[in-house]
Protein backbone atom coordinates (compact mmCIF):
# COMPACT_ATOMS: atom_id res chain seq x y z
CA UNK A 1 -28.70 -89.25 66.72
CA UNK A 2 -32.32 -88.16 67.04
CA UNK A 3 -31.43 -84.50 66.46
CA UNK A 4 -29.60 -85.40 63.25
CA UNK A 5 -32.58 -87.38 62.01
CA UNK A 6 -35.00 -84.55 62.82
CA UNK A 7 -32.77 -82.04 61.03
CA UNK A 8 -32.56 -84.31 57.99
CA UNK A 9 -36.35 -84.67 57.91
CA UNK A 10 -36.79 -80.90 58.12
CA UNK A 11 -34.38 -80.39 55.22
CA UNK A 12 -36.15 -83.05 53.18
CA UNK A 13 -33.09 -85.19 52.58
CA UNK A 14 -34.42 -88.37 54.17
CA UNK A 15 -34.69 -91.17 51.64
CA UNK A 16 -38.06 -92.86 51.35
CA UNK A 17 -38.78 -96.25 49.86
CA UNK A 18 -41.33 -96.14 47.05
CA UNK A 19 -42.40 -98.45 44.24
CA UNK A 20 -41.03 -96.93 41.04
CA UNK A 21 -43.76 -97.57 38.46
CA UNK A 22 -41.87 -95.68 35.75
CA UNK A 23 -39.20 -98.39 35.56
CA UNK A 24 -41.42 -101.24 36.72
CA UNK A 25 -41.51 -104.68 35.14
CA UNK A 26 -44.24 -106.06 37.40
CA UNK A 27 -45.02 -103.94 40.46
CA UNK A 28 -42.10 -101.54 40.72
CA UNK A 29 -40.78 -103.03 43.95
CA UNK A 30 -37.35 -103.94 42.58
CA UNK A 31 -36.96 -100.62 40.76
CA UNK A 32 -37.86 -98.79 43.96
CA UNK A 33 -35.37 -100.81 46.00
CA UNK A 34 -32.72 -100.12 43.38
CA UNK A 35 -33.40 -96.38 43.61
CA UNK A 36 -33.33 -96.47 47.40
CA UNK A 37 -30.01 -98.31 47.65
CA UNK A 38 -28.51 -96.64 44.52
CA UNK A 39 -27.95 -99.94 42.73
CA UNK A 40 -29.10 -101.26 39.38
CA UNK A 41 -32.67 -102.65 39.57
CA UNK A 42 -31.51 -105.70 37.58
CA UNK A 43 -29.41 -106.79 40.56
CA UNK A 44 -32.45 -106.47 42.85
CA UNK A 45 -34.59 -108.40 40.33
CA UNK A 46 -32.03 -111.21 40.25
CA UNK A 47 -31.97 -111.30 44.06
CA UNK A 48 -35.77 -111.56 44.15
CA UNK A 49 -35.64 -114.30 41.50
CA UNK A 50 -33.26 -116.29 43.69
CA UNK A 51 -35.51 -115.64 46.67
CA UNK A 52 -38.55 -116.91 44.74
CA UNK A 53 -36.68 -120.03 43.64
CA UNK A 54 -35.70 -120.64 47.26
CA UNK A 55 -39.37 -120.57 48.26
CA UNK A 56 -39.71 -116.98 49.48
CA UNK A 57 -41.94 -115.58 46.74
CA UNK A 58 -44.37 -114.18 49.28
CA UNK A 59 -41.80 -111.46 50.15
CA UNK A 60 -42.36 -109.72 46.78
CA UNK A 61 -46.12 -109.78 47.22
CA UNK A 62 -45.86 -108.36 50.74
CA UNK A 63 -43.54 -105.59 49.52
CA UNK A 64 -45.93 -104.88 46.64
CA UNK A 65 -48.75 -104.35 49.13
CA UNK A 66 -46.79 -102.44 51.80
CA UNK A 67 -44.50 -100.14 49.78
CA UNK A 68 -46.35 -97.03 48.52
CA UNK A 69 -46.29 -95.86 44.90
CA UNK A 70 -43.96 -92.99 44.02
CA UNK A 71 -45.87 -89.79 43.31
């Protein structure tokens, strides 16, 4: 498993999670998650909305701080 991961890193095919500020509505976290998982960012935004309504709004702020901006 480790050899496969090292080979993938050397070839540059490892996916990285970034905030996508080109398609951002607020901080780009949901757009970046959508790019990473190959799903529509609207679905991720709706999931975060449900999370915020359930009392977990701090998760978006933490992701906004931790996830780097796409260059």
